[in-house]
Amino acid sequence: MNHKEAIQEDIFKVIGESADELGLEAYVIGGFVRDHFLKKGLPKDIDVVAVGSGISLAKKVAEKLPGAPKVSVFKNFGTAMVKHHDLELEFVGARKESYNRDSRKPIVENGTLEEDQMRRDFTINALALCLNKDRYGALLDPFGGRDHLDKGLLKTPLDPNTTYSDDPLRMMRAIRFATQLDFTIDPDSLTAITENKDRMGVVSKERIVVELNKILEAKTPSKGLALLHKTGLLHLILPELTRLQGIEEIEGQRHKDNFWHTLEVVDNIARTTNNLWLRWAALLHDVGKAPTKKFHKKLGWTFHGHEYVGSKMVRTIFKRLRMPLNDKMKFVQKMVMMSSRPIVLSEDFATDSAVRRLIFDAGEHVEDLMTLCEADITTKNPKKQRKYKNNFKRVRQKIKEVEERDQIRNFQPPISGEEIMASFGLRPSREIGIIKEAIKEAILEGDIPNEHQAAKELMYAKGKQLGLEPK
């Protein structure tokens, strides 16, 4: 069957002409072809495979393109990259691969197109469209990938044990594609992932996190997280999360399953924000519950201090997974640490003072914190759900009112340390810190307005208490 309509862009004609001139077979393969059949539009990166030298083809194509773009050659991999407008074209020679047990880096040899398709991760990524003039648009589909696309099925071209053992990252990719495309993983393939899970040890943490982030960025992340859990991969990557699973009962008192609750929270937050780091905060917001879980005869199950413990665990997790230990990690830590604060306010009458402190502590992230807390509502009881949502609406309104009046967000003290030193003729000393803290506390408690004159009066009063003489 011919699919010329998929490759009407001029760039494909240029590649085809270049291949014909060099006497090479050339095909567009992988994600571009898959997304064409899924009606997803033209992707920005396009893979071209040549039966022969991909580098020679890339150079020929670049010569024919306006402005003769630069060819980036990666000799070790036998690949070349050409940037044309907003497209990235990657050229590679058809190849076959063999692996050793200790690495996911293959030993590469030249091969036929079918051998190249055979080494691909999934049949839906092995589809190829011919670019040569005599067969322009012909589909080469030796493993039934077109049919699997229609069925929403992920299968490997080879025996799945071979595919996953050779390159264990493909196990993560299978789950990621299943999540992004809402596809089903073939049962034999799913079993093979479980059987080969320990091979993940040869994959770099950075590559694992790339796939994990893509799962978290999907429309329904819980699908991928549940598959990672089912296959045993999640326990290898995030054991802190899988330890939340299970319901314990003592003296007729039970607690909820915090693992499945967490997956619901992540799905809830995915409906309201695309912020990856807020989604990470949702994923980790309860990790401190496993190490802090206790049963008390009078109180039942408690998780005292789980937010503090969880925020400490965030750094451990980020470090182990080689994730950024910068402001992104600090943001996740802050969200985990503060994740119960608005809940307490919503259950109680929120005083102005408590709201001021929430705004002060959350700073510019107060909306993110409220979004996380609203996502944390997973009760199936419609009456309770309505009540919690209305409570959070009231807290949001209260935040708005207090913020407009008192301007606490990104709080800057109305009196600086320099002004205190000048007022009392002091050098840097602990008294300055005491006065600044007293002014901050008075503003947060609502004892004085967030204004310079009121703060100045308190500064002199506090100085007098400390035995300081004004200049």
Protein backbone atom coordinates (compact mmCIF):
# COMPACT_ATOMS: atom_id res chain seq x y z
CA MET A 1 0.00 0.00 0.00
CA ASN A 2 1.27 3.49 -0.86
CA HIS A 3 1.30 6.41 1.57
CA LYS A 4 2.61 9.30 -0.54
CA GLU A 5 0.35 11.70 1.35
CA ALA A 6 2.50 11.20 4.48
CA ILE A 7 5.65 12.49 2.76
CA GLN A 8 4.46 15.42 0.66
CA GLU A 9 6.87 17.86 2.35
CA ASP A 10 9.64 19.00 -0.02
CA ILE A 11 12.32 17.78 2.36
CA PHE A 12 11.38 14.14 1.70
CA LYS A 13 11.66 14.64 -2.04
CA VAL A 14 15.16 16.13 -1.55
CA ILE A 15 16.18 13.11 0.55
CA GLY A 16 14.77 10.72 -2.07
CA GLU A 17 16.59 12.46 -4.96
CA SER A 18 19.86 12.47 -2.99
CA ALA A 19 19.51 8.75 -2.23
CA ASP A 20 18.81 7.95 -5.91
CA GLU A 21 21.89 9.91 -6.99
CA LEU A 22 24.05 7.96 -4.51
CA GLY A 23 22.45 4.63 -5.47
CA LEU A 24 21.16 4.12 -1.90
CA GLU A 25 17.80 2.97 -0.55
CA ALA A 26 16.39 5.56 1.87
CA TYR A 27 13.44 5.35 4.25
CA VAL A 28 11.79 7.59 6.82
CA ILE A 29 11.26 5.41 9.89
CA GLY A 30 10.10 5.41 13.51
CA GLY A 31 8.21 8.18 15.28
CA PHE A 32 7.39 10.21 12.17
CA VAL A 33 5.63 7.27 10.49
CA ARG A 34 3.91 6.21 13.71
CA ASP A 35 2.60 9.73 14.37
CA HIS A 36 1.38 10.06 10.76
CA PHE A 37 -0.88 7.04 11.21
CA LEU A 38 -1.98 8.32 14.63
CA LYS A 39 -2.81 11.68 12.93
CA LYS A 40 -0.55 13.58 15.32
CA GLY A 41 0.98 15.99 12.76
CA LEU A 42 4.58 16.51 11.66
CA PRO A 43 7.07 15.93 14.51
CA LYS A 44 10.16 18.12 14.79
CA ASP A 45 12.64 15.25 14.68
CA ILE A 46 12.68 12.85 11.74
CA ASP A 47 14.73 9.64 11.47
CA VAL A 48 16.01 8.58 8.05
CA VAL A 49 17.66 5.21 7.51
CA ALA A 50 19.84 4.49 4.47
CA VAL A 51 20.85 1.03 3.29
CA GLY A 52 24.51 2.07 3.10
CA SER A 53 26.11 5.22 4.49
CA GLY A 54 23.73 7.51 6.35
CA ILE A 55 26.52 10.09 6.70
CA SER A 56 27.03 10.29 2.89
CA LEU A 57 23.28 10.75 2.44
CA ALA A 58 23.18 13.54 5.06
CA LYS A 59 25.99 15.41 3.30
CA LYS A 60 24.29 15.09 -0.09
CA VAL A 61 20.97 16.32 1.32
CA ALA A 62 22.66 19.32 3.00
CA GLU A 63 24.26 20.31 -0.33
CA LYS A 64 20.82 20.47 -1.96
CA LEU A 65 19.09 22.43 0.81
CA PRO A 66 18.94 26.26 0.69
CA GLY A 67 21.86 27.77 2.61
CA ALA A 68 23.67 24.38 2.71
CA PRO A 69 23.09 23.72 6.45
CA LYS A 70 25.92 22.28 8.57
CA VAL A 71 26.10 18.49 8.91
CA SER A 72 26.89 17.30 12.45
CA VAL A 73 28.63 13.92 12.12
CA PHE A 74 28.81 11.40 14.98
CA LYS A 75 31.29 8.88 13.58
CA ASN A 76 31.22 6.58 16.63
CA PHE A 77 27.49 6.04 16.11
CA GLY A 78 27.56 6.19 12.30
CA THR A 79 24.94 8.96 12.39
CA ALA A 80 24.65 12.52 11.09
CA MET A 81 22.30 15.39 11.95
CA VAL A 82 21.02 18.14 9.67
CA LYS A 83 18.89 21.04 10.93
CA HIS A 84 16.49 22.42 8.33
CA HIS A 85 14.18 25.26 9.46
CA ASP A 86 12.58 23.86 12.65
CA LEU A 87 13.22 20.20 11.71
CA GLU A 88 16.01 17.97 12.99
CA LEU A 89 16.86 15.23 10.49
CA GLU A 90 18.89 12.30 11.77
CA PHE A 91 20.51 10.03 9.18
CA VAL A 92 21.79 6.56 9.99
CA GLY A 93 22.93 3.55 7.98
CA ALA A 94 20.78 0.40 8.29
CA ARG A 95 22.38 -1.80 10.90
CA LYS A 96 22.12 -4.92 12.96
CA GLU A 97 23.14 -5.02 16.60
CA SER A 98 24.47 -7.46 19.16
CA TYR A 99 24.81 -6.87 22.90
CA ASN A 100 26.81 -8.12 25.86
CA ARG A 101 25.19 -8.61 29.26
CA ASP A 102 26.96 -5.76 31.06
CA SER A 103 25.89 -2.87 28.87
CA ARG A 104 22.98 -1.49 26.87
CA LYS A 105 25.47 -0.16 24.26
CA PRO A 106 25.32 -2.42 21.20
CA ILE A 107 28.03 -3.74 18.89
CA VAL A 108 26.87 -2.35 15.54
CA GLU A 109 27.37 -3.77 12.02
CA ASN A 110 25.93 -2.78 8.66
CA GLY A 111 22.68 -4.57 7.92
CA THR A 112 19.60 -4.76 5.72
CA LEU A 113 16.50 -2.63 6.24
CA GLU A 114 14.68 -5.57 7.84
CA GLU A 115 17.57 -6.16 10.24
CA ASP A 116 17.36 -2.47 11.14
CA GLN A 117 13.59 -2.74 11.72
CA MET A 118 14.18 -5.87 13.79
CA ARG A 119 16.43 -3.98 16.23
CA ARG A 120 13.73 -1.33 16.90
CA ASP A 121 11.98 -1.34 20.27
CA PHE A 122 8.34 -1.79 19.14
CA THR A 123 6.58 -2.80 15.95
CA ILE A 124 4.80 0.58 15.86
CA ASN A 125 8.25 2.25 15.75
CA ALA A 126 9.57 -0.11 13.04
CA LEU A 127 7.30 1.20 10.26
CA ALA A 128 9.24 2.60 7.28
CA LEU A 129 8.20 4.62 4.22
CA CYS A 130 10.38 4.44 1.11
CA LEU A 131 11.75 7.75 -0.24
CA ASN A 132 13.28 6.46 -3.51
CA LYS A 133 11.51 7.66 -6.63
CA ASP A 134 10.49 4.22 -7.97
CA ARG A 135 8.78 3.20 -4.66
CA TYR A 136 8.01 6.63 -3.16
CA GLY A 137 5.60 6.24 -0.21
CA ALA A 138 5.69 2.41 -0.10
CA LEU A 139 5.16 1.12 3.45
CA LEU A 140 7.52 -1.57 4.75
CA ASP A 141 5.94 -3.25 7.74
CA PRO A 142 7.41 -6.74 8.31
CA PHE A 143 6.13 -7.07 11.90
CA GLY A 144 2.50 -5.94 11.65
CA GLY A 145 3.06 -2.54 13.26
CA ARG A 146 0.26 -0.91 11.25
CA ASP A 147 -2.24 -3.44 12.60
CA HIS A 148 -0.90 -2.97 16.15
CA LEU A 149 -1.40 0.80 15.83
CA ASP A 150 -5.05 0.23 14.95
CA LYS A 151 -5.44 -2.16 17.90
CA GLY A 152 -3.60 0.16 20.34
CA LEU A 153 -1.11 -2.63 21.09
CA LEU A 154 2.57 -2.46 22.02
CA LYS A 155 4.59 -5.47 20.82
CA THR A 156 8.30 -5.99 20.24
CA PRO A 157 9.58 -7.05 16.78
CA LEU A 158 11.64 -9.87 18.33
CA ASP A 159 10.96 -12.12 21.31
CA PRO A 160 10.34 -9.58 24.13
CA ASN A 161 12.90 -11.25 26.42
CA THR A 162 15.58 -10.57 23.79
CA THR A 163 14.43 -6.99 23.16
CA TYR A 164 14.31 -6.07 26.86
CA SER A 165 17.41 -7.97 27.94
CA ASP A 166 19.43 -6.36 25.12
CA ASP A 167 18.37 -2.82 26.00
CA PRO A 168 16.53 -2.69 29.35
CA LEU A 169 15.59 0.98 28.89
CA ARG A 170 12.99 -0.33 26.41
CA MET A 171 11.00 -1.62 29.42
CA MET A 172 10.57 1.96 30.63
CA ARG A 173 9.83 3.09 27.07
CA ALA A 174 7.11 0.41 26.72
CA ILE A 175 5.36 1.72 29.82
CA ARG A 176 5.89 5.34 28.76
CA PHE A 177 4.37 4.74 25.28
CA ALA A 178 1.47 2.79 26.83
CA THR A 179 0.82 5.82 29.08
CA GLN A 180 1.24 8.55 26.45
CA LEU A 181 -0.72 6.75 23.68
CA ASP A 182 -3.16 4.96 26.01
CA PHE A 183 -2.08 1.64 24.45
CA THR A 184 -2.05 -1.86 25.94
CA ILE A 185 1.22 -3.73 26.36
CA ASP A 186 1.05 -7.22 24.84
CA PRO A 187 0.69 -9.77 27.74
CA ASP A 188 3.88 -11.67 26.75
CA SER A 189 5.73 -8.37 26.62
CA LEU A 190 4.44 -7.37 30.07
CA THR A 191 5.55 -10.72 31.51
CA ALA A 192 8.99 -10.25 29.91
CA ILE A 193 9.33 -6.83 31.59
CA THR A 194 8.66 -8.44 34.99
CA GLU A 195 11.15 -11.22 34.26
CA ASN A 196 13.88 -8.83 33.06
CA LYS A 197 13.33 -6.02 35.58
CA ASP A 198 16.68 -6.58 37.32
CA ARG A 199 18.45 -5.72 34.04
CA MET A 200 17.56 -2.07 34.74
CA GLY A 201 20.79 -1.94 36.76
CA VAL A 202 22.80 -1.32 33.56
CA VAL A 203 20.70 1.74 32.61
CA SER A 204 21.87 5.19 33.70
CA LYS A 205 19.69 7.02 36.24
CA GLU A 206 19.48 10.00 33.88
CA ARG A 207 17.86 7.89 31.13
CA ILE A 208 15.41 6.35 33.60
CA VAL A 209 14.36 9.83 34.83
CA VAL A 210 13.76 11.04 31.24
CA GLU A 211 11.18 8.25 30.83
CA LEU A 212 9.75 8.76 34.31
CA ASN A 213 9.26 12.48 33.58
CA LYS A 214 7.43 11.65 30.32
CA ILE A 215 5.12 9.31 32.27
CA LEU A 216 4.46 12.09 34.81
CA GLU A 217 3.80 14.58 31.99
CA ALA A 218 1.17 12.30 30.40
CA LYS A 219 -2.58 12.99 30.61
CA THR A 220 -3.13 10.10 33.07
CA PRO A 221 0.21 9.36 34.79
CA SER A 222 -1.32 6.68 37.05
CA LYS A 223 -1.54 4.29 34.09
CA GLY A 224 2.26 4.24 33.75
CA LEU A 225 2.92 4.33 37.50
CA ALA A 226 0.58 1.34 38.02
CA LEU A 227 2.38 -0.59 35.23
CA LEU A 228 5.77 0.24 36.76
CA HIS A 229 4.42 -1.09 40.05
CA LYS A 230 2.88 -4.22 38.52
CA THR A 231 6.13 -5.19 36.77
CA GLY A 232 8.32 -4.53 39.84
CA LEU A 233 10.24 -1.68 38.16
CA LEU A 234 8.85 0.98 40.50
CA HIS A 235 10.25 -0.81 43.56
CA LEU A 236 13.71 -0.69 41.96
CA ILE A 237 13.42 3.00 41.02
CA LEU A 238 11.29 4.51 43.83
CA PRO A 239 11.03 2.02 46.72
CA GLU A 240 9.91 4.89 48.98
CA LEU A 241 6.69 5.01 46.96
CA THR A 242 5.92 1.28 46.88
CA ARG A 243 6.38 1.10 50.66
CA LEU A 244 3.18 3.15 50.94
CA GLN A 245 1.12 0.27 49.56
CA GLY A 246 -1.14 -1.76 51.79
CA ILE A 247 -3.81 -1.29 54.46
CA GLU A 248 -3.12 -2.35 58.03
CA GLU A 249 -5.84 -3.05 60.54
CA ILE A 250 -5.43 -3.12 64.33
CA GLU A 251 -8.39 -3.33 66.75
CA GLY A 252 -10.78 -2.65 63.87
CA GLN A 253 -9.00 0.57 62.89
CA ARG A 254 -7.63 0.85 59.35
CA HIS A 255 -5.79 3.51 57.37
CA LYS A 256 -6.18 4.18 53.64
CA ASP A 257 -3.79 2.71 51.07
CA ASN A 258 -1.44 5.66 50.61
CA PHE A 259 0.12 4.27 47.42
CA TRP A 260 -3.10 4.14 45.39
CA HIS A 261 -4.19 7.42 46.99
CA THR A 262 -0.94 9.00 45.72
CA LEU A 263 -1.65 7.81 42.16
CA GLU A 264 -5.10 9.43 42.34
CA VAL A 265 -3.55 12.70 43.56
CA VAL A 266 -1.08 12.69 40.64
CA ASP A 267 -3.96 12.17 38.16
CA ASN A 268 -5.95 14.95 39.85
CA ILE A 269 -3.07 17.42 39.62
CA ALA A 270 -2.39 16.41 35.98
CA ARG A 271 -5.86 17.78 35.15
CA THR A 272 -5.01 21.22 36.51
CA THR A 273 -1.30 21.86 35.83
CA ASN A 274 1.44 21.00 33.35
CA ASN A 275 4.13 21.93 35.89
CA LEU A 276 6.33 18.80 36.00
CA TRP A 277 7.79 19.70 39.41
CA LEU A 278 4.36 20.19 40.95
CA ARG A 279 3.48 16.74 39.60
CA TRP A 280 6.65 15.41 41.29
CA ALA A 281 5.47 17.07 44.52
CA ALA A 282 2.13 15.25 44.17
CA LEU A 283 3.99 11.96 43.59
CA LEU A 284 6.14 12.41 46.71
CA HIS A 285 3.76 14.32 48.99
CA ASP A 286 3.08 11.28 51.22
CA VAL A 287 6.42 9.41 51.07
CA GLY A 288 7.07 10.31 54.72
CA LYS A 289 4.02 8.30 55.82
CA ALA A 290 5.68 4.86 55.65
CA PRO A 291 8.51 5.71 58.09
CA THR A 292 6.24 7.69 60.48
CA LYS A 293 3.26 5.30 60.67
CA LYS A 294 2.26 4.39 64.26
CA PHE A 295 -0.78 2.90 65.96
CA HIS A 296 -2.07 4.38 69.24
CA LYS A 297 -4.94 2.82 71.20
CA LYS A 298 -6.62 6.22 71.71
CA LEU A 299 -5.69 8.00 68.48
CA GLY A 300 -5.67 5.10 66.01
CA TRP A 301 -3.22 5.39 63.09
CA THR A 302 -1.00 8.47 63.02
CA PHE A 303 1.68 9.79 60.66
CA HIS A 304 3.07 12.60 62.83
CA GLY A 305 5.71 14.72 61.12
CA HIS A 306 5.39 12.87 57.80
CA GLU A 307 5.65 16.16 55.87
CA TYR A 308 9.00 17.02 57.51
CA VAL A 309 10.36 13.48 57.03
CA GLY A 310 9.03 13.41 53.45
CA SER A 311 10.71 16.71 52.55
CA LYS A 312 14.06 15.29 53.76
CA MET A 313 13.46 12.15 51.68
CA VAL A 314 12.97 14.30 48.54
CA ARG A 315 16.67 15.24 48.57
CA THR A 316 17.72 11.58 49.04
CA ILE A 317 15.51 10.51 46.10
CA PHE A 318 16.67 13.34 43.81
CA LYS A 319 20.32 12.62 44.64
CA ARG A 320 19.99 8.88 44.01
CA LEU A 321 18.22 9.44 40.67
CA ARG A 322 20.78 12.13 39.69
CA MET A 323 18.02 14.71 39.37
CA PRO A 324 18.70 18.46 39.73
CA LEU A 325 19.58 19.43 43.31
CA ASN A 326 18.68 23.07 42.62
CA ASP A 327 15.62 25.31 42.98
CA LYS A 328 13.46 22.59 41.36
CA MET A 329 14.28 20.14 44.14
CA LYS A 330 13.81 22.89 46.77
CA PHE A 331 10.38 23.65 45.29
CA VAL A 332 9.35 19.96 45.58
CA GLN A 333 10.72 19.87 49.15
CA LYS A 334 8.76 22.99 50.07
CA MET A 335 5.52 21.64 48.60
CA VAL A 336 5.93 18.31 50.45
CA MET A 337 6.84 20.10 53.70
CA MET A 338 3.80 22.40 53.50
CA SER A 339 1.35 19.92 51.95
CA SER A 340 -0.89 19.70 55.06
CA ARG A 341 -0.90 23.38 56.02
CA PRO A 342 -3.88 24.53 53.91
CA ILE A 343 -5.76 21.35 54.90
CA VAL A 344 -5.51 22.33 58.57
CA LEU A 345 -6.74 25.84 57.71
CA SER A 346 -9.66 24.45 55.68
CA GLU A 347 -10.82 22.24 58.54
CA ASP A 348 -10.61 25.02 61.10
CA PHE A 349 -11.65 28.64 61.13
CA ALA A 350 -8.77 30.28 59.26
CA THR A 351 -7.57 33.26 61.29
CA ASP A 352 -5.93 36.18 59.49
CA SER A 353 -2.74 35.40 61.41
CA ALA A 354 -2.65 31.76 60.22
CA VAL A 355 -3.32 32.84 56.62
CA ARG A 356 -0.56 35.51 56.83
CA ARG A 357 1.88 32.83 58.02
CA LEU A 358 0.85 30.49 55.18
CA ILE A 359 1.44 33.24 52.60
CA PHE A 360 4.74 34.19 54.26
CA ASP A 361 6.04 30.59 54.27
CA ALA A 362 4.77 29.62 50.80
CA GLY A 363 5.77 32.94 49.20
CA GLU A 364 5.39 32.94 45.41
CA HIS A 365 4.29 29.28 45.48
CA VAL A 366 1.08 29.72 47.48
CA GLU A 367 -1.14 28.98 44.41
CA ASP A 368 0.89 25.83 43.65
CA LEU A 369 0.42 24.71 47.25
CA MET A 370 -3.35 25.22 47.06
CA THR A 371 -3.46 23.32 43.74
CA LEU A 372 -1.61 20.41 45.39
CA CYS A 373 -3.96 20.39 48.39
CA GLU A 374 -7.07 20.43 46.19
CA ALA A 375 -5.64 17.50 44.20
CA ASP A 376 -5.24 15.67 47.53
CA ILE A 377 -9.04 15.36 47.83
CA THR A 378 -9.67 11.74 46.76
CA THR A 379 -12.74 10.87 48.82
CA LYS A 380 -15.46 9.06 46.88
CA ASN A 381 -18.15 10.49 49.16
CA PRO A 382 -19.82 13.31 47.12
CA LYS A 383 -20.97 15.15 50.26
CA LYS A 384 -17.46 15.14 51.77
CA GLN A 385 -15.91 16.12 48.46
CA ARG A 386 -18.23 19.13 48.14
CA LYS A 387 -17.47 20.15 51.72
CA TYR A 388 -13.66 19.96 51.25
CA LYS A 389 -13.78 21.85 47.95
CA ASN A 390 -15.93 24.60 49.45
CA ASN A 391 -13.55 24.83 52.43
CA PHE A 392 -10.59 25.31 50.07
CA LYS A 393 -12.54 27.97 48.15
CA ARG A 394 -12.93 29.86 51.44
CA VAL A 395 -9.20 29.52 52.18
CA ARG A 396 -8.36 30.81 48.67
CA GLN A 397 -10.69 33.80 49.19
CA LYS A 398 -9.15 34.48 52.59
CA ILE A 399 -5.63 34.37 51.07
CA LYS A 400 -6.75 36.89 48.43
CA GLU A 401 -8.22 39.26 51.02
CA VAL A 402 -5.27 39.06 53.43
CA GLU A 403 -2.73 39.38 50.62
CA GLU A 404 -4.43 42.48 49.17
CA ARG A 405 -4.53 44.11 52.58
CA ASP A 406 -1.22 43.06 54.15
CA GLN A 407 1.10 42.33 51.17
CA ILE A 408 2.87 39.43 52.85
CA ARG A 409 3.89 37.45 49.76
CA ASN A 410 7.67 37.67 49.13
CA PHE A 411 7.76 39.61 52.39
CA GLN A 412 10.45 42.28 52.73
CA PRO A 413 10.73 43.77 56.25
CA PRO A 414 9.67 47.46 56.24
CA ILE A 415 12.77 48.17 58.40
CA SER A 416 16.18 46.99 57.19
CA GLY A 417 19.12 45.88 59.33
CA GLU A 418 21.02 48.98 58.17
CA GLU A 419 18.25 51.27 59.44
CA ILE A 420 18.25 49.53 62.84
CA MET A 421 22.05 49.93 63.10
CA ALA A 422 21.84 53.61 62.16
CA SER A 423 18.95 54.26 64.58
CA PHE A 424 20.88 52.88 67.59
CA GLY A 425 24.46 53.39 66.45
CA LEU A 426 25.09 49.65 66.44
CA ARG A 427 27.58 47.40 64.68
CA PRO A 428 26.33 44.00 63.36
CA SER A 429 25.02 42.19 66.47
CA ARG A 430 22.36 39.73 67.70
CA GLU A 431 20.15 42.66 68.84
CA ILE A 432 19.49 43.56 65.20
CA GLY A 433 18.22 40.03 64.52
CA ILE A 434 15.99 40.15 67.62
CA ILE A 435 14.42 43.48 66.53
CA LYS A 436 13.89 42.30 62.94
CA GLU A 437 12.26 39.07 64.17
CA ALA A 438 9.99 41.02 66.56
CA ILE A 439 8.81 43.27 63.69
CA LYS A 440 8.19 40.28 61.40
CA GLU A 441 6.22 38.41 64.13
CA ALA A 442 4.14 41.50 64.95
CA ILE A 443 3.18 41.93 61.28
CA LEU A 444 2.32 38.23 60.84
CA GLU A 445 0.27 38.24 64.06
CA GLY A 446 -1.54 41.40 62.90
CA ASP A 447 -0.35 43.43 65.91
CA ILE A 448 0.98 46.12 63.56
CA PRO A 449 0.30 46.83 59.86
CA ASN A 450 2.98 46.04 57.26
CA GLU A 451 4.08 49.70 57.10
CA HIS A 452 7.32 51.57 57.77
CA GLN A 453 6.02 54.01 60.45
CA ALA A 454 4.37 51.29 62.58
CA ALA A 455 7.50 49.10 62.27
CA LYS A 456 9.73 52.04 63.25
CA GLU A 457 7.73 52.66 66.45
CA LEU A 458 8.01 48.97 67.36
CA MET A 459 11.75 49.07 66.59
CA TYR A 460 12.29 51.83 69.18
CA ALA A 461 10.05 50.07 71.74
CA LYS A 462 11.92 46.77 71.30
CA GLY A 463 15.29 48.60 71.41
CA LYS A 464 14.31 50.16 74.72
CA GLN A 465 13.49 46.68 76.12
CA LEU A 466 16.98 45.53 75.07
CA GLY A 467 18.58 48.57 76.78
CA LEU A 468 19.53 50.32 73.54
CA GLU A 469 19.70 54.10 73.30
CA PRO A 470 18.40 55.79 70.12
CA LYS A 471 20.92 57.97 68.27
